C-alpha atoms as a PDB file:
ATOM      1  CA  MET A   1      -0.104   0.066  -0.114  1.00  0.00           C
ATOM      2  CA  SER A   2       2.533   2.710   0.868  1.00  0.00           C
ATOM      3  CA  GLU A   3       4.753   1.810  -2.200  1.00  0.00           C
ATOM      4  CA  LEU A   4       1.695   1.500  -4.925  1.00  0.00           C
ATOM      5  CA  LEU A   5      -0.926   4.108  -2.957  1.00  0.00           C
ATOM      6  CA  TRP A   6       0.681   6.160  -0.353  1.00  0.00           C
ATOM      7  CA  GLN A   7       3.884   7.460  -1.842  1.00  0.00           C
ATOM      8  CA  PRO A   8       2.831   8.212  -5.312  1.00  0.00           C
ATOM      9  CA  MET A   9      -0.459  10.264  -3.884  1.00  0.00           C
ATOM     10  CA  GLY A  10       1.608  12.320  -1.717  1.00  0.00           C
ATOM     11  CA  ALA A  11       0.936  11.446   1.796  1.00  0.00           C
ATOM     12  CA  ALA A  12       3.420  13.475   3.929  1.00  0.00           C
ATOM     13  CA  GLU A  13       3.212  11.129   6.997  1.00  0.00           C
ATOM     14  CA  PRO A  14       2.786   7.367   7.429  1.00  0.00           C
ATOM     15  CA  ALA A  15      -0.215   5.282   8.078  1.00  0.00           C
ATOM     16  CA  CYS A  16      -0.674   2.512  10.347  1.00  0.00           C
ATOM     17  CA  ILE A  17      -3.369  -0.140   9.332  1.00  0.00           C
ATOM     18  CA  THR A  18      -5.071  -3.186  11.718  1.00  0.00           C
ATOM     19  CA  VAL A  19      -4.003  -6.430  10.911  1.00  0.00           C
ATOM     20  CA  ASP A  20      -5.473  -9.525  11.707  1.00  0.00           C
ATOM     21  CA  ARG A  21      -3.538 -12.507  13.722  1.00  0.00           C
ATOM     22  CA  LEU A  22      -1.740 -13.507  10.898  1.00  0.00           C
ATOM     23  CA  GLY A  23      -0.324  -9.871  10.241  1.00  0.00           C
ATOM     24  CA  ALA A  24      -2.622  -9.687   6.922  1.00  0.00           C
ATOM     25  CA  PRO A  25      -4.402  -6.257   6.820  1.00  0.00           C
ATOM     26  CA  ARG A  26      -7.611  -5.374   6.977  1.00  0.00           C
ATOM     27  CA  CYS A  27      -9.457  -4.368   4.069  1.00  0.00           C
ATOM     28  CA  ALA A  28     -12.878  -3.266   5.883  1.00  0.00           C
ATOM     29  CA  GLY A  29     -11.249  -0.730   7.778  1.00  0.00           C
ATOM     30  CA  GLY A  30      -8.683   0.176  10.758  1.00  0.00           C
ATOM     31  CA  MET A  31      -6.421   2.812   9.000  1.00  0.00           C
ATOM     32  CA  CYS A  32      -5.192   5.228  11.008  1.00  0.00           C
ATOM     33  CA  THR A  33      -3.553   8.908   9.096  1.00  0.00           C
ATOM     34  CA  THR A  34      -3.459  12.281   9.878  1.00  0.00           C
ATOM     35  CA  THR A  35      -6.710  14.563   8.302  1.00  0.00           C
ATOM     36  CA  ARG A  36      -4.533  16.200   5.994  1.00  0.00           C
ATOM     37  CA  ASP A  37      -3.455  12.677   3.995  1.00  0.00           C
ATOM     38  CA  LEU A  38      -6.809  11.191   4.269  1.00  0.00           C
ATOM     39  CA  ALA A  39      -7.699  14.604   2.449  1.00  0.00           C
ATOM     40  CA  ARG A  40      -4.774  13.732  -0.295  1.00  0.00           C
ATOM     41  CA  VAL A  41      -6.561  10.461  -0.882  1.00  0.00           C
ATOM     42  CA  GLY A  42      -9.966  12.488  -1.595  1.00  0.00           C
ATOM     43  CA  GLN A  43      -8.196  14.883  -3.769  1.00  0.00           C
ATOM     44  CA  LEU A  44      -6.286  11.934  -5.740  1.00  0.00           C
ATOM     45  CA  ILE A  45      -9.951  11.238  -6.516  1.00  0.00           C
ATOM     46  CA  VAL A  46     -11.117  14.487  -7.052  1.00  0.00           C
ATOM     47  CA  GLU A  47      -7.971  14.296 -10.022  1.00  0.00           C
ATOM     48  CA  VAL A  48      -9.116  11.100 -11.190  1.00  0.00           C
ATOM     49  CA  GLY A  49      -6.593   8.889 -10.088  1.00  0.00           C
ATOM     50  CA  ALA A  50      -3.815  11.009 -11.090  1.00  0.00           C
ATOM     51  CA  ARG A  51      -1.092  12.788  -9.266  1.00  0.00           C
ATOM     52  CA  CYS A  52       1.537  14.976 -11.079  1.00  0.00           C
ATOM     53  CA  ALA A  53       0.686  13.095 -14.494  1.00  0.00           C
ATOM     54  CA  ARG A  54       0.744   9.797 -12.872  1.00  0.00           C
ATOM     55  CA  GLN A  55      -1.607   7.386 -12.675  1.00  0.00           C
ATOM     56  CA  VAL A  56      -2.078   5.838  -9.064  1.00  0.00           C
ATOM     57  CA  VAL A  57      -5.521   4.452  -9.169  1.00  0.00           C
ATOM     58  CA  PRO A  58      -7.168   3.422 -12.471  1.00  0.00           C
ATOM     59  CA  ALA A  59      -9.753   5.865 -13.515  1.00  0.00           C
ATOM     60  CA  ALA A  60     -12.104   2.982 -14.080  1.00  0.00           C
ATOM     61  CA  TRP A  61     -12.146   2.165 -10.580  1.00  0.00           C
ATOM     62  CA  ILE A  62     -13.530   5.662  -9.435  1.00  0.00           C
ATOM     63  CA  GLU A  63     -16.138   5.310 -12.496  1.00  0.00           C
ATOM     64  CA  ASP A  64     -16.766   1.757 -11.187  1.00  0.00           C
ATOM     65  CA  ILE A  65     -17.968   3.112  -7.474  1.00  0.00           C
ATOM     66  CA  THR A  66     -19.556   6.137  -8.778  1.00  0.00           C
ATOM     67  CA  ARG A  67     -21.722   4.410 -11.332  1.00  0.00           C
ATOM     68  CA  ASN A  68     -21.911   1.089 -10.805  1.00  0.00           C
ATOM     69  CA  GLY A  69     -23.688   0.642  -7.110  1.00  0.00           C
ATOM     70  CA  ASP A  70     -26.767  -1.432  -6.658  1.00  0.00           C
ATOM     71  CA  ALA A  71     -29.556   1.682  -5.666  1.00  0.00           C
ATOM     72  CA  GLU A  72     -32.199  -1.217  -5.283  1.00  0.00           C
ATOM     73  CA  ALA A  73     -29.724  -2.804  -2.506  1.00  0.00           C
ATOM     74  CA  TRP A  74     -29.694   0.780  -0.885  1.00  0.00           C
ATOM     75  CA  ASN A  75     -33.370   1.032  -1.013  1.00  0.00           C
ATOM     76  CA  ALA A  76     -34.056  -2.528   0.567  1.00  0.00           C
ATOM     77  CA  GLY A  77     -31.225  -2.129   3.189  1.00  0.00           C
ATOM     78  CA  SER A  78     -31.046  -0.284   6.901  1.00  0.00           C
ATOM     79  CA  PHE A  79     -29.555   2.681   6.220  1.00  0.00           C
ATOM     80  CA  VAL A  80     -32.135   4.488   4.008  1.00  0.00           C
ATOM     81  CA  PRO A  81     -33.527   6.477   6.907  1.00  0.00           C
ATOM     82  CA  TYR A  82     -30.362   8.389   7.793  1.00  0.00           C
ATOM     83  CA  PHE A  83     -30.587  10.070   3.985  1.00  0.00           C
ATOM     84  CA  PRO A  84     -34.064  10.566   3.446  1.00  0.00           C
ATOM     85  CA  GLY A  85     -35.285  11.488  -0.490  1.00  0.00           C
ATOM     86  CA  ALA A  86     -31.530  11.218  -1.237  1.00  0.00           C
ATOM     87  CA  ALA A  87     -30.847   8.472  -4.222  1.00  0.00           C
ATOM     88  CA  MET A  88     -27.986   6.324  -2.933  1.00  0.00           C
ATOM     89  CA  HIS A  89     -25.678   3.393  -3.297  1.00  0.00           C
ATOM     90  CA  TYR A  90     -23.017   1.779  -1.781  1.00  0.00           C
ATOM     91  CA  ARG A  91     -19.712   0.053  -3.317  1.00  0.00           C
ATOM     92  CA  ASP A  92     -16.288  -0.729  -2.590  1.00  0.00           C
ATOM     93  CA  LYS A  93     -16.517   0.468   0.885  1.00  0.00           C
ATOM     94  CA  TRP A  94     -18.034   4.073  -0.828  1.00  0.00           C
ATOM     95  CA  TYR A  95     -21.580   5.826  -0.144  1.00  0.00           C
ATOM     96  CA  VAL A  96     -22.170   7.886  -3.227  1.00  0.00           C
ATOM     97  CA  GLU A  97     -25.343  10.081  -3.602  1.00  0.00           C
ATOM     98  CA  ARG A  98     -26.056   9.579  -7.154  1.00  0.00           C
ATOM     99  CA  GLY A  99     -26.628  12.152  -9.563  1.00  0.00           C
ATOM    100  CA  ALA A 100     -25.315  14.403 -11.948  1.00  0.00           C
ATOM    101  CA  ALA A 101     -22.550  15.516  -9.779  1.00  0.00           C
ATOM    102  CA  PRO A 102     -22.390  12.437  -7.587  1.00  0.00           C
ATOM    103  CA  LEU A 103     -20.886  12.885  -3.817  1.00  0.00           C
ATOM    104  CA  LEU A 104     -18.402  10.158  -2.867  1.00  0.00           C
ATOM    105  CA  PHE A 105     -18.111   9.700   1.000  1.00  0.00           C
ATOM    106  CA  GLY A 106     -16.831   7.294   3.403  1.00  0.00           C
ATOM    107  CA  LEU A 107     -17.632   7.097   7.334  1.00  0.00           C
ATOM    108  CA  GLY A 108     -15.467   5.695   9.886  1.00  0.00           C
ATOM    109  CA  ILE A 109     -16.599   4.274  13.083  1.00  0.00           C
ATOM    110  CA  HIS A 110     -15.178   6.796  15.480  1.00  0.00           C
ATOM    111  CA  GLY A 111     -16.082  10.513  13.808  1.00  0.00           C
ATOM    112  CA  GLN A 112     -13.478   9.747  10.717  1.00  0.00           C
ATOM    113  CA  ASN A 113     -15.313  11.240   7.492  1.00  0.00           C
ATOM    114  CA  LEU A 114     -14.500  11.949   4.045  1.00  0.00           C
ATOM    115  CA  PHE A 115     -16.736  13.854   1.457  1.00  0.00           C
ATOM    116  CA  ILE A 116     -15.695  14.326  -2.333  1.00  0.00           C
ATOM    117  CA  ASP A 117     -17.529  16.359  -4.726  1.00  0.00           C
ATOM    118  CA  ALA A 118     -15.460  16.078  -7.917  1.00  0.00           C
ATOM    119  CA  LYS A 119     -17.239  18.239  -9.900  1.00  0.00           C
ATOM    120  CA  ARG A 120     -17.009  21.157  -7.354  1.00  0.00           C
ATOM    121  CA  GLU A 121     -13.347  20.057  -6.759  1.00  0.00           C
ATOM    122  CA  ILE A 122     -14.455  19.992  -2.821  1.00  0.00           C
ATOM    123  CA  VAL A 123     -12.655  17.644  -0.707  1.00  0.00           C
ATOM    124  CA  ILE A 124     -13.731  17.707   3.144  1.00  0.00           C
ATOM    125  CA  ALA A 125     -11.773  15.416   5.702  1.00  0.00           C
ATOM    126  CA  LYS A 126     -12.826  15.385   9.165  1.00  0.00           C
ATOM    127  CA  HIS A 127     -11.250  13.132  12.015  1.00  0.00           C
ATOM    128  CA  SER A 128     -13.556  13.327  15.692  1.00  0.00           C
ATOM    129  CA  SER A 129     -14.578  11.008  18.333  1.00  0.00           C
END
């Protein structure tokens, strides 16, 4: 992760990730980073996966998250009441408010949030508890 994502996206500080009893990283969470580096993740998505003319993550992956979630599965789920009237889906650990200018966001279990409005080039990263 350090060589393929963290360093190429320009992270300023090392990050930590929770591992299981065998030392394998958790894929669904457990990452600790600075708020600024979290914002850099969002900026990488705003820039369609590229930084300084280097493609760090595939643009097709970002497009897949943004466009290909299952709205019917979302509507059948338990989070609908938290987003009343919003057209939503969830894909690859990202929440997406659907529409002409989709809003991507990630929610951590202890008040960490990352909101990305790529069309308006707005990234908001927040850490709290």
